[in-house]
């Protein structure tokens, strides 16, 4: 009695079908994971306002001639401040306008060319001067801009320079420049570093 022969083609077909099903399943899993990643909401990080006036006052209390805004326009916030004591001192203030445009301010004795390269563009172009009508530094300020839409106002004080720069419109930069004043100390005059100390009374 002859044995019943089994056809090997049937097993090969079954194995190929299983492999195909696994490939389809893996593809579905990967597609689902990719969909989850692309549809996941990215949390929005809101910029935090800092108490920049405290740092300015602290430097003024030590006798440094800090030049800073006497306040920010409505809706603006300061997001970062850096300073370095010296004669003259260095002050850098980063801000966002009410339209969330960036404005920066720098008081520094660095060369103008270096400041422009750092904060505007190496190929920044000069423009027509603008008139600033408020603050302690009213008058004519230089203007600079680059092809990307960044602008800067510059006031040369001889031993140092003031620069207001950023992606905000020039009108916003002028508004900040009109608020720049020499910061006042919150200490009595005799307590400020460098001020003469009254002689003791007999």
N, C-alpha and C. Protein backbone atom coordinates (compact mmCIF):
# COMPACT_ATOMS: atom_id res chain seq x y z
N UNK A 1 0.86 -1.17 0.00
CA UNK A 1 0.00 0.00 0.00
C UNK A 1 0.90 1.23 0.00
N UNK A 2 0.74 2.05 -0.98
CA UNK A 2 1.62 3.21 -1.09
C UNK A 2 1.25 4.31 -0.12
N UNK A 3 2.25 5.07 0.41
CA UNK A 3 2.00 6.19 1.33
C UNK A 3 1.41 7.38 0.60
N UNK A 4 0.69 8.19 1.41
CA UNK A 4 0.09 9.40 0.85
C UNK A 4 1.17 10.49 0.80
N UNK A 5 1.41 11.03 -0.33
CA UNK A 5 2.45 12.06 -0.46
C UNK A 5 1.89 13.43 -0.08
N UNK A 6 2.68 14.21 0.67
CA UNK A 6 2.31 15.58 1.05
C UNK A 6 3.00 16.56 0.09
N UNK A 7 2.25 17.50 -0.39
CA UNK A 7 2.81 18.46 -1.34
C UNK A 7 3.56 19.57 -0.60
N UNK A 8 4.87 19.75 -0.81
CA UNK A 8 5.63 20.81 -0.12
C UNK A 8 5.20 22.20 -0.52
N UNK A 9 4.59 22.34 -1.67
CA UNK A 9 4.17 23.67 -2.12
C UNK A 9 3.14 24.29 -1.19
N UNK A 10 2.31 23.41 -0.55
CA UNK A 10 1.27 23.94 0.32
C UNK A 10 1.88 24.60 1.55
N UNK A 11 2.94 24.02 2.13
CA UNK A 11 3.60 24.61 3.30
C UNK A 11 4.32 25.91 2.93
N UNK A 12 4.93 25.93 1.74
CA UNK A 12 5.63 27.14 1.31
C UNK A 12 4.66 28.31 1.14
N UNK A 13 3.49 27.98 0.57
CA UNK A 13 2.48 29.02 0.39
C UNK A 13 1.99 29.55 1.73
N UNK A 14 1.78 28.63 2.68
CA UNK A 14 1.32 29.03 4.01
C UNK A 14 2.35 29.91 4.72
N UNK A 15 3.63 29.54 4.63
CA UNK A 15 4.70 30.32 5.26
C UNK A 15 4.81 31.71 4.64
N UNK A 16 4.70 31.77 3.32
CA UNK A 16 4.77 33.06 2.65
C UNK A 16 3.63 33.96 3.07
N UNK A 17 2.45 33.37 3.27
CA UNK A 17 1.31 34.17 3.72
C UNK A 17 1.51 34.71 5.11
N UNK A 18 2.11 33.91 6.02
CA UNK A 18 2.38 34.38 7.38
C UNK A 18 3.38 35.52 7.38
N UNK A 19 4.43 35.37 6.57
CA UNK A 19 5.44 36.43 6.50
C UNK A 19 4.82 37.72 5.97
N UNK A 20 3.98 37.60 4.94
CA UNK A 20 3.32 38.78 4.40
C UNK A 20 2.43 39.45 5.41
N UNK A 21 1.70 38.64 6.20
CA UNK A 21 0.82 39.20 7.22
C UNK A 21 1.61 39.93 8.29
N UNK A 22 2.77 39.36 8.67
CA UNK A 22 3.61 40.00 9.68
C UNK A 22 4.15 41.34 9.18
N UNK A 23 4.52 41.38 7.89
CA UNK A 23 5.02 42.64 7.33
C UNK A 23 3.95 43.70 7.35
N UNK A 24 2.72 43.30 6.99
CA UNK A 24 1.61 44.25 7.01
C UNK A 24 1.36 44.74 8.43
N UNK A 25 1.40 43.82 9.42
CA UNK A 25 1.16 44.18 10.82
C UNK A 25 2.22 45.16 11.32
N UNK A 26 3.49 44.85 11.01
CA UNK A 26 4.57 45.74 11.45
C UNK A 26 4.42 47.11 10.81
N UNK A 27 4.04 47.13 9.53
CA UNK A 27 3.82 48.40 8.86
C UNK A 27 2.73 49.22 9.51
N UNK A 28 1.65 48.55 9.92
CA UNK A 28 0.55 49.25 10.59
C UNK A 28 0.99 49.83 11.92
N UNK A 29 1.78 49.05 12.67
CA UNK A 29 2.27 49.53 13.97
C UNK A 29 3.16 50.75 13.79
N UNK A 30 4.08 50.68 12.82
CA UNK A 30 4.98 51.81 12.58
C UNK A 30 4.20 53.05 12.13
N UNK A 31 3.20 52.85 11.30
CA UNK A 31 2.38 53.98 10.84
C UNK A 31 1.63 54.61 12.00
N UNK A 32 1.15 53.78 12.94
CA UNK A 32 0.42 54.29 14.10
C UNK A 32 1.35 55.10 15.00
N UNK A 33 2.55 54.56 15.23
CA UNK A 33 3.53 55.27 16.06
C UNK A 33 3.89 56.61 15.42
N UNK A 34 4.12 56.61 14.11
CA UNK A 34 4.46 57.86 13.42
C UNK A 34 3.33 58.87 13.52
N UNK A 35 2.09 58.39 13.41
CA UNK A 35 0.94 59.28 13.52
C UNK A 35 0.87 59.89 14.91
N UNK A 36 1.12 59.06 15.94
CA UNK A 36 1.07 59.56 17.31
C UNK A 36 2.12 60.64 17.52
N UNK A 37 3.31 60.43 16.97
CA UNK A 37 4.40 61.39 17.18
C UNK A 37 4.11 62.72 16.47
N UNK A 38 3.55 62.63 15.26
CA UNK A 38 3.29 63.87 14.51
C UNK A 38 2.08 64.62 15.02
N UNK A 39 1.15 63.90 15.63
CA UNK A 39 -0.07 64.56 16.11
C UNK A 39 0.03 64.99 17.56
N UNK A 40 1.12 64.62 18.22
CA UNK A 40 1.29 65.00 19.62
C UNK A 40 1.49 66.50 19.73
N UNK A 41 0.78 67.14 20.62
CA UNK A 41 0.88 68.58 20.79
C UNK A 41 2.19 68.95 21.48
N UNK A 42 2.88 69.92 20.91
CA UNK A 42 4.12 70.43 21.51
C UNK A 42 3.75 71.55 22.48
N UNK A 43 4.11 71.41 23.75
CA UNK A 43 3.74 72.45 24.72
C UNK A 43 4.38 73.78 24.38
N UNK A 44 3.60 74.84 24.49
CA UNK A 44 4.09 76.19 24.23
C UNK A 44 4.73 76.76 25.49
N UNK A 45 5.98 77.17 25.36
CA UNK A 45 6.70 77.74 26.49
C UNK A 45 6.58 79.26 26.42
N UNK A 46 5.89 79.82 27.38
CA UNK A 46 5.71 81.27 27.42
C UNK A 46 6.95 81.94 28.02
N UNK A 47 7.45 82.99 27.40
CA UNK A 47 8.60 83.70 27.98
C UNK A 47 8.23 84.33 29.31
N UNK A 48 9.16 84.29 30.24
CA UNK A 48 8.92 84.84 31.57
C UNK A 48 9.59 86.21 31.71
N UNK A 49 8.86 87.13 32.29
CA UNK A 49 9.41 88.46 32.54
C UNK A 49 10.35 88.41 33.73
N UNK A 50 11.42 89.18 33.68
CA UNK A 50 12.38 89.24 34.78
C UNK A 50 12.35 90.62 35.42
N UNK A 51 12.83 90.69 36.65
CA UNK A 51 12.89 91.96 37.39
C UNK A 51 14.20 92.66 37.05
N UNK A 52 14.29 93.19 35.85
CA UNK A 52 15.54 93.76 35.38
C UNK A 52 15.92 95.04 36.11
N UNK A 53 14.92 95.78 36.62
CA UNK A 53 15.24 97.05 37.29
C UNK A 53 16.09 96.83 38.53
N UNK A 54 15.93 95.69 39.20
CA UNK A 54 16.71 95.42 40.41
C UNK A 54 18.20 95.35 40.08
N UNK A 55 18.54 94.70 38.97
CA UNK A 55 19.95 94.58 38.58
C UNK A 55 20.53 95.94 38.21
N UNK A 56 19.73 96.76 37.53
CA UNK A 56 20.19 98.10 37.15
C UNK A 56 20.44 98.95 38.39
N UNK A 57 19.50 98.92 39.33
CA UNK A 57 19.64 99.71 40.55
C UNK A 57 20.84 99.25 41.37
N UNK A 58 21.08 97.94 41.41
CA UNK A 58 22.22 97.42 42.17
C UNK A 58 23.54 97.96 41.62
N UNK A 59 23.66 98.03 40.30
CA UNK A 59 24.88 98.58 39.71
C UNK A 59 25.00 100.08 39.96
N UNK A 60 23.88 100.78 39.87
CA UNK A 60 23.90 102.22 40.15
C UNK A 60 24.28 102.47 41.60
N UNK A 61 23.84 101.61 42.51
CA UNK A 61 24.17 101.75 43.92
C UNK A 61 25.67 101.60 44.18
N UNK A 62 26.35 100.90 43.28
CA UNK A 62 27.80 100.74 43.42
C UNK A 62 28.58 101.87 42.74
N UNK A 63 27.85 102.82 42.20
CA UNK A 63 28.50 103.99 41.61
C UNK A 63 28.78 103.89 40.13
N UNK A 64 28.27 102.85 39.46
CA UNK A 64 28.52 102.71 38.03
C UNK A 64 27.51 103.54 37.23
N UNK A 65 28.00 104.14 36.15
CA UNK A 65 27.15 105.00 35.31
C UNK A 65 26.36 104.13 34.33
N UNK A 66 25.35 103.48 34.84
CA UNK A 66 24.52 102.59 34.04
C UNK A 66 23.47 103.40 33.28
N UNK A 67 23.38 103.14 31.99
CA UNK A 67 22.36 103.77 31.15
C UNK A 67 21.34 102.71 30.79
N UNK A 68 20.09 102.94 31.17
CA UNK A 68 19.05 101.92 31.00
C UNK A 68 17.71 102.59 30.76
N UNK A 69 16.73 101.85 30.26
CA UNK A 69 15.39 102.44 30.11
C UNK A 69 14.81 102.82 31.47
N UNK A 70 14.08 103.92 31.51
CA UNK A 70 13.40 104.29 32.75
C UNK A 70 12.07 103.55 32.89
N UNK A 71 11.80 102.66 31.97
CA UNK A 71 10.60 101.84 31.97
C UNK A 71 10.40 101.28 30.58
N UNK A 72 9.57 100.25 30.46
CA UNK A 72 9.31 99.65 29.15
C UNK A 72 7.92 100.07 28.66
N UNK A 73 7.73 100.14 27.35
CA UNK A 73 6.40 100.44 26.81
C UNK A 73 5.38 99.41 27.27
N UNK A 74 4.12 99.79 27.27
CA UNK A 74 3.05 98.89 27.69
C UNK A 74 3.07 97.60 26.87
N UNK A 75 2.98 96.48 27.57
CA UNK A 75 2.94 95.19 26.90
C UNK A 75 4.29 94.57 26.65
N UNK A 76 5.38 95.33 26.83
CA UNK A 76 6.71 94.79 26.64
C UNK A 76 7.15 94.07 27.92
N UNK A 77 8.01 93.06 27.74
CA UNK A 77 8.63 92.40 28.89
C UNK A 77 10.13 92.25 28.63
N UNK A 78 10.90 92.27 29.70
CA UNK A 78 12.33 91.97 29.63
C UNK A 78 12.50 90.48 29.93
N UNK A 79 13.29 89.79 29.12
CA UNK A 79 13.47 88.35 29.28
C UNK A 79 14.86 87.97 29.75
N UNK A 80 15.82 88.88 29.63
CA UNK A 80 17.18 88.56 30.07
C UNK A 80 17.97 89.84 30.27
N UNK A 81 18.88 89.80 31.23
CA UNK A 81 19.76 90.95 31.46
C UNK A 81 21.14 90.43 31.83
N UNK A 82 22.15 91.07 31.27
CA UNK A 82 23.54 90.74 31.61
C UNK A 82 24.30 92.05 31.80
N UNK A 83 25.25 92.03 32.71
CA UNK A 83 26.00 93.25 32.98
C UNK A 83 27.42 92.90 33.40
N UNK A 84 28.30 93.90 33.25
CA UNK A 84 29.68 93.75 33.70
C UNK A 84 30.13 95.08 34.26
N UNK A 85 30.46 95.13 35.53
CA UNK A 85 30.94 96.39 36.12
C UNK A 85 32.21 96.86 35.42
N UNK A 86 32.38 98.14 35.35
CA UNK A 86 33.57 98.70 34.72
C UNK A 86 33.40 100.18 34.49
N UNK A 87 34.38 100.77 33.85
CA UNK A 87 34.33 102.20 33.55
C UNK A 87 34.69 102.39 32.07
N UNK A 88 33.71 102.41 31.18
CA UNK A 88 32.27 102.34 31.47
C UNK A 88 31.81 100.90 31.69
N UNK A 89 30.66 100.73 32.31
CA UNK A 89 30.11 99.39 32.51
C UNK A 89 29.49 98.86 31.22
N UNK A 90 29.18 97.58 31.21
CA UNK A 90 28.49 96.94 30.09
C UNK A 90 27.12 96.48 30.56
N UNK A 91 26.11 96.77 29.78
CA UNK A 91 24.75 96.33 30.10
C UNK A 91 24.10 95.81 28.83
N UNK A 92 23.46 94.66 28.94
CA UNK A 92 22.71 94.09 27.82
C UNK A 92 21.34 93.68 28.32
N UNK A 93 20.29 94.11 27.62
CA UNK A 93 18.91 93.82 28.01
C UNK A 93 18.17 93.27 26.81
N UNK A 94 17.51 92.11 27.00
CA UNK A 94 16.71 91.50 25.94
C UNK A 94 15.24 91.67 26.27
N UNK A 95 14.43 92.03 25.26
CA UNK A 95 13.01 92.32 25.48
C UNK A 95 12.16 91.74 24.37
N UNK A 96 10.86 91.58 24.67
CA UNK A 96 9.86 91.25 23.67
C UNK A 96 8.80 92.35 23.69
N UNK A 97 8.40 92.80 22.51
CA UNK A 97 7.37 93.82 22.43
C UNK A 97 5.99 93.19 22.63
N UNK A 98 4.97 94.03 22.63
CA UNK A 98 3.60 93.51 22.76
C UNK A 98 3.19 92.70 21.54
N UNK A 99 3.96 92.81 20.44
CA UNK A 99 3.73 91.99 19.25
C UNK A 99 4.70 90.81 19.20
N UNK A 100 5.40 90.56 20.33
CA UNK A 100 6.36 89.46 20.45
C UNK A 100 7.51 89.58 19.46
N UNK A 101 7.90 90.80 19.16
CA UNK A 101 9.10 91.06 18.37
C UNK A 101 10.27 91.31 19.32
N UNK A 102 11.46 90.88 18.90
CA UNK A 102 12.63 91.00 19.76
C UNK A 102 13.25 92.39 19.66
N UNK A 103 13.60 92.93 20.82
CA UNK A 103 14.37 94.17 20.90
C UNK A 103 15.50 93.95 21.91
N UNK A 104 16.70 94.32 21.52
CA UNK A 104 17.83 94.23 22.42
C UNK A 104 18.43 95.61 22.66
N UNK A 105 19.08 95.76 23.80
CA UNK A 105 19.75 97.03 24.11
C UNK A 105 21.14 96.70 24.65
N UNK A 106 22.13 97.48 24.23
CA UNK A 106 23.51 97.24 24.65
C UNK A 106 24.20 98.56 24.95
N UNK A 107 24.81 98.65 26.13
CA UNK A 107 25.72 99.73 26.50
C UNK A 107 27.11 99.11 26.58
N UNK A 108 28.04 99.58 25.75
CA UNK A 108 29.33 98.89 25.66
C UNK A 108 30.38 99.84 25.10
N UNK A 109 31.65 99.56 25.41
CA UNK A 109 32.74 100.34 24.82
C UNK A 109 33.38 99.61 23.65
N UNK A 110 32.73 98.55 23.18
CA UNK A 110 33.23 97.79 22.04
C UNK A 110 33.18 98.63 20.76
N UNK A 111 34.02 98.29 19.81
CA UNK A 111 34.02 99.01 18.52
C UNK A 111 32.67 98.83 17.83
N UNK A 112 32.24 99.86 17.12
CA UNK A 112 30.95 99.81 16.43
C UNK A 112 30.91 98.65 15.44
N UNK A 113 31.99 98.45 14.68
CA UNK A 113 32.01 97.37 13.69
C UNK A 113 31.77 96.02 14.35
N UNK A 114 32.37 95.81 15.52
CA UNK A 114 32.21 94.53 16.21
C UNK A 114 30.79 94.38 16.75
N UNK A 115 30.22 95.46 17.25
CA UNK A 115 28.85 95.40 17.76
C UNK A 115 27.86 95.10 16.64
N UNK A 116 28.05 95.75 15.49
CA UNK A 116 27.16 95.49 14.36
C UNK A 116 27.27 94.05 13.89
N UNK A 117 28.48 93.54 13.81
CA UNK A 117 28.66 92.16 13.37
C UNK A 117 27.99 91.18 14.33
N UNK A 118 28.07 91.46 15.63
CA UNK A 118 27.51 90.56 16.63
C UNK A 118 26.00 90.64 16.71
N UNK A 119 25.45 91.85 16.67
CA UNK A 119 24.03 92.03 16.98
C UNK A 119 23.14 92.33 15.77
N UNK A 120 23.76 92.64 14.63
CA UNK A 120 22.96 92.90 13.42
C UNK A 120 23.44 91.99 12.30
N UNK A 121 24.53 92.37 11.66
CA UNK A 121 25.06 91.57 10.56
C UNK A 121 26.42 92.13 10.18
N UNK A 122 27.29 91.26 9.71
CA UNK A 122 28.62 91.70 9.28
C UNK A 122 28.51 92.68 8.12
N UNK A 123 27.45 92.53 7.31
CA UNK A 123 27.25 93.41 6.16
C UNK A 123 26.12 94.41 6.40
N UNK A 124 25.94 94.82 7.63
CA UNK A 124 24.90 95.80 7.94
C UNK A 124 25.15 97.10 7.17
N UNK A 125 24.05 97.68 6.69
CA UNK A 125 24.15 98.89 5.87
C UNK A 125 23.65 100.10 6.66
N UNK A 126 24.33 101.25 6.54
CA UNK A 126 23.85 102.46 7.22
C UNK A 126 22.62 103.02 6.52
N UNK A 127 21.75 103.66 7.30
CA UNK A 127 20.56 104.30 6.75
C UNK A 127 20.49 105.75 7.16
N UNK A 128 19.34 106.36 6.94
CA UNK A 128 19.14 107.74 7.33
C UNK A 128 19.06 107.86 8.85
N UNK A 129 19.68 108.87 9.44
CA UNK A 129 19.58 109.05 10.90
C UNK A 129 18.13 109.29 11.32
N UNK A 130 17.84 108.94 12.57
CA UNK A 130 16.51 109.20 13.13
C UNK A 130 16.65 110.12 14.33
N UNK A 131 15.60 110.83 14.63
CA UNK A 131 15.60 111.76 15.75
C UNK A 131 14.90 111.12 16.94
N UNK A 132 15.61 111.03 18.04
CA UNK A 132 15.04 110.54 19.30
C UNK A 132 14.71 111.76 20.14
N UNK A 133 13.48 111.83 20.64
CA UNK A 133 13.01 113.07 21.26
C UNK A 133 12.88 113.00 22.78
N UNK A 134 13.13 111.85 23.38
CA UNK A 134 12.96 111.75 24.83
C UNK A 134 14.18 111.16 25.51
N UNK A 135 14.12 111.10 26.85
CA UNK A 135 15.21 110.52 27.62
C UNK A 135 16.42 111.43 27.73
N UNK A 136 17.50 110.88 28.27
CA UNK A 136 18.73 111.65 28.46
C UNK A 136 19.58 111.71 27.20
N UNK A 137 19.20 110.98 26.16
CA UNK A 137 20.04 110.90 24.97
C UNK A 137 19.24 111.25 23.71
N UNK A 138 18.40 112.27 23.87
CA UNK A 138 17.64 112.77 22.73
C UNK A 138 18.59 113.35 21.70
N UNK A 139 18.18 113.28 20.46
CA UNK A 139 19.01 113.80 19.39
C UNK A 139 19.07 112.81 18.24
N UNK A 140 20.08 112.96 17.43
CA UNK A 140 20.22 112.15 16.22
C UNK A 140 20.94 110.84 16.52
N UNK A 141 20.35 109.74 16.09
CA UNK A 141 20.95 108.41 16.22
C UNK A 141 21.20 107.83 14.82
N UNK A 142 22.31 107.11 14.68
CA UNK A 142 22.58 106.40 13.44
C UNK A 142 21.61 105.22 13.30
N UNK A 143 21.33 104.83 12.05
CA UNK A 143 20.52 103.63 11.80
C UNK A 143 21.30 102.66 10.93
N UNK A 144 21.10 101.39 11.20
CA UNK A 144 21.73 100.31 10.44
C UNK A 144 20.70 99.21 10.23
N UNK A 145 20.85 98.45 9.14
CA UNK A 145 19.94 97.35 8.87
C UNK A 145 20.64 96.29 8.04
N UNK A 146 20.04 95.10 8.00
CA UNK A 146 20.57 94.03 7.16
C UNK A 146 19.48 93.54 6.21
N UNK A 147 19.83 92.60 5.34
CA UNK A 147 18.88 92.10 4.36
C UNK A 147 17.79 91.25 5.00
N UNK A 148 18.03 90.75 6.20
CA UNK A 148 17.05 89.90 6.86
C UNK A 148 15.97 90.65 7.61
N UNK A 149 16.06 91.98 7.63
CA UNK A 149 15.02 92.76 8.30
C UNK A 149 15.34 93.18 9.71
N UNK A 150 16.59 92.96 10.16
CA UNK A 150 16.99 93.44 11.48
C UNK A 150 17.46 94.90 11.37
N UNK A 151 17.23 95.64 12.44
CA UNK A 151 17.59 97.06 12.46
C UNK A 151 18.37 97.38 13.73
N UNK A 152 19.07 98.50 13.70
CA UNK A 152 19.78 98.97 14.89
C UNK A 152 19.86 100.48 14.89
N UNK A 153 19.73 101.06 16.08
CA UNK A 153 20.00 102.48 16.30
C UNK A 153 21.25 102.57 17.14
N UNK A 154 22.12 103.51 16.82
CA UNK A 154 23.40 103.64 17.53
C UNK A 154 23.63 105.09 17.91
N UNK A 155 24.06 105.28 19.16
CA UNK A 155 24.47 106.61 19.64
C UNK A 155 25.90 106.49 20.16
N UNK A 156 26.82 107.23 19.55
CA UNK A 156 28.23 107.20 19.95
C UNK A 156 28.46 108.26 21.01
N UNK A 157 28.93 107.81 22.19
CA UNK A 157 29.20 108.74 23.29
C UNK A 157 30.69 108.98 23.49
N UNK A 158 31.49 108.57 22.53
CA UNK A 158 32.93 108.77 22.64
C UNK A 158 33.63 107.57 23.26
N UNK A 159 33.48 107.40 24.57
CA UNK A 159 34.14 106.29 25.24
C UNK A 159 33.27 105.04 25.27
N UNK A 160 32.05 105.14 24.78
CA UNK A 160 31.14 103.99 24.75
C UNK A 160 30.05 104.25 23.72
N UNK A 161 29.29 103.19 23.43
CA UNK A 161 28.21 103.29 22.47
C UNK A 161 26.94 102.68 23.04
N UNK A 162 25.81 103.26 22.64
CA UNK A 162 24.51 102.71 22.99
C UNK A 162 23.91 102.15 21.71
N UNK A 163 23.39 100.93 21.78
CA UNK A 163 22.78 100.31 20.61
C UNK A 163 21.43 99.71 20.99
N UNK A 164 20.40 100.06 20.22
CA UNK A 164 19.09 99.43 20.33
C UNK A 164 18.87 98.69 19.03
N UNK A 165 18.59 97.41 19.09
CA UNK A 165 18.58 96.59 17.87
C UNK A 165 17.50 95.52 17.96
N UNK A 166 17.24 94.84 16.84
CA UNK A 166 16.30 93.73 16.87
C UNK A 166 15.49 93.60 15.60
N UNK A 167 14.52 92.68 15.66
CA UNK A 167 13.64 92.41 14.52
C UNK A 167 12.39 93.28 14.55
N UNK A 168 12.20 94.02 15.61
CA UNK A 168 11.03 94.90 15.73
C UNK A 168 11.15 96.07 14.75
N UNK A 169 10.03 96.72 14.42
CA UNK A 169 10.09 97.89 13.54
C UNK A 169 10.95 99.00 14.14
N UNK A 170 11.48 99.85 13.28
CA UNK A 170 12.33 100.95 13.74
C UNK A 170 11.61 101.83 14.74
N UNK A 171 10.29 102.00 14.57
CA UNK A 171 9.53 102.83 15.50
C UNK A 171 9.63 102.31 16.93
N UNK A 172 9.64 100.99 17.09
CA UNK A 172 9.77 100.41 18.43
C UNK A 172 11.16 100.67 19.00
N UNK A 173 12.18 100.60 18.14
CA UNK A 173 13.54 100.87 18.61
C UNK A 173 13.68 102.32 19.05
N UNK A 174 13.07 103.23 18.28
CA UNK A 174 13.10 104.65 18.65
C UNK A 174 12.38 104.86 19.98
N UNK A 175 11.28 104.16 20.18
CA UNK A 175 10.53 104.29 21.43
C UNK A 175 11.39 103.89 22.62
N UNK A 176 12.15 102.81 22.49
CA UNK A 176 13.00 102.40 23.61
C UNK A 176 14.14 103.39 23.81
N UNK A 177 14.75 103.84 22.71
CA UNK A 177 15.86 104.80 22.82
C UNK A 177 15.41 106.07 23.54
N UNK A 178 14.15 106.45 23.36
CA UNK A 178 13.65 107.68 23.98
C UNK A 178 13.43 107.51 25.48
N UNK A 179 13.60 106.29 25.99
CA UNK A 179 13.43 106.03 27.42
C UNK A 179 14.76 105.82 28.15
N UNK A 180 15.87 105.94 27.44
CA UNK A 180 17.17 105.69 28.06
C UNK A 180 17.59 106.87 28.93
N UNK A 181 17.96 106.55 30.17
CA UNK A 181 18.44 107.56 31.11
C UNK A 181 19.59 106.98 31.92
N UNK A 182 20.34 107.84 32.56
CA UNK A 182 21.37 107.38 33.50
C UNK A 182 20.67 106.94 34.77
N UNK A 183 20.84 105.68 35.12
CA UNK A 183 20.13 105.12 36.27
C UNK A 183 20.57 105.80 37.56
N UNK A 184 19.61 106.06 38.42
CA UNK A 184 19.89 106.71 39.70
C UNK A 184 20.05 105.67 40.80
N UNK A 185 20.95 105.98 41.73
CA UNK A 185 21.13 105.11 42.89
C UNK A 185 19.97 105.28 43.85
N UNK A 186 19.64 104.18 44.53
CA UNK A 186 18.59 104.25 45.55
C UNK A 186 19.17 104.53 46.93
N UNK A 187 20.51 104.68 47.00
CA UNK A 187 21.17 104.97 48.28
C UNK A 187 21.35 106.47 48.47
N UNK A 188 21.48 106.90 49.70
CA UNK A 188 21.89 108.29 49.95
C UNK A 188 23.25 108.54 49.32
N UNK A 189 23.51 109.75 48.90
CA UNK A 189 24.72 110.07 48.16
C UNK A 189 25.99 109.63 48.87
N UNK A 190 26.04 109.75 50.19
CA UNK A 190 27.26 109.43 50.94
C UNK A 190 27.54 107.94 50.96
N UNK A 191 26.51 107.09 50.64
CA UNK A 191 26.71 105.65 50.69
C UNK A 191 27.09 105.06 49.36
N UNK A 192 27.03 105.84 48.29
CA UNK A 192 27.35 105.33 46.97
C UNK A 192 28.86 105.19 46.83
N UNK A 193 29.31 104.06 46.26
CA UNK A 193 30.73 103.82 46.07
C UNK A 193 31.35 104.95 45.28
N UNK A 194 32.47 105.45 45.76
CA UNK A 194 33.16 106.53 45.07
C UNK A 194 32.76 107.90 45.56
N UNK A 195 31.70 108.00 46.36
CA UNK A 195 31.29 109.30 46.89
C UNK A 195 32.12 109.62 48.12
N UNK A 196 32.41 110.89 48.36
CA UNK A 196 33.22 111.23 49.53
C UNK A 196 32.49 110.92 50.82
N UNK A 197 33.24 110.46 51.81
CA UNK A 197 32.68 110.15 53.12
C UNK A 197 32.84 111.36 54.03
N UNK A 198 31.76 111.79 54.69
CA UNK A 198 31.88 112.96 55.57
C UNK A 198 32.94 112.74 56.64
N UNK A 199 33.70 113.79 56.94
CA UNK A 199 34.73 113.69 57.98
C UNK A 199 34.07 113.60 59.34
N UNK A 200 34.66 112.82 60.26
CA UNK A 200 34.08 112.71 61.61
C UNK A 200 34.12 114.05 62.33
N UNK A 201 33.10 114.31 63.09
CA UNK A 201 33.02 115.55 63.86
C UNK A 201 33.71 115.37 65.22
N UNK A 202 34.43 116.42 65.63
CA UNK A 202 35.09 116.36 66.94
C UNK A 202 34.06 116.57 68.04
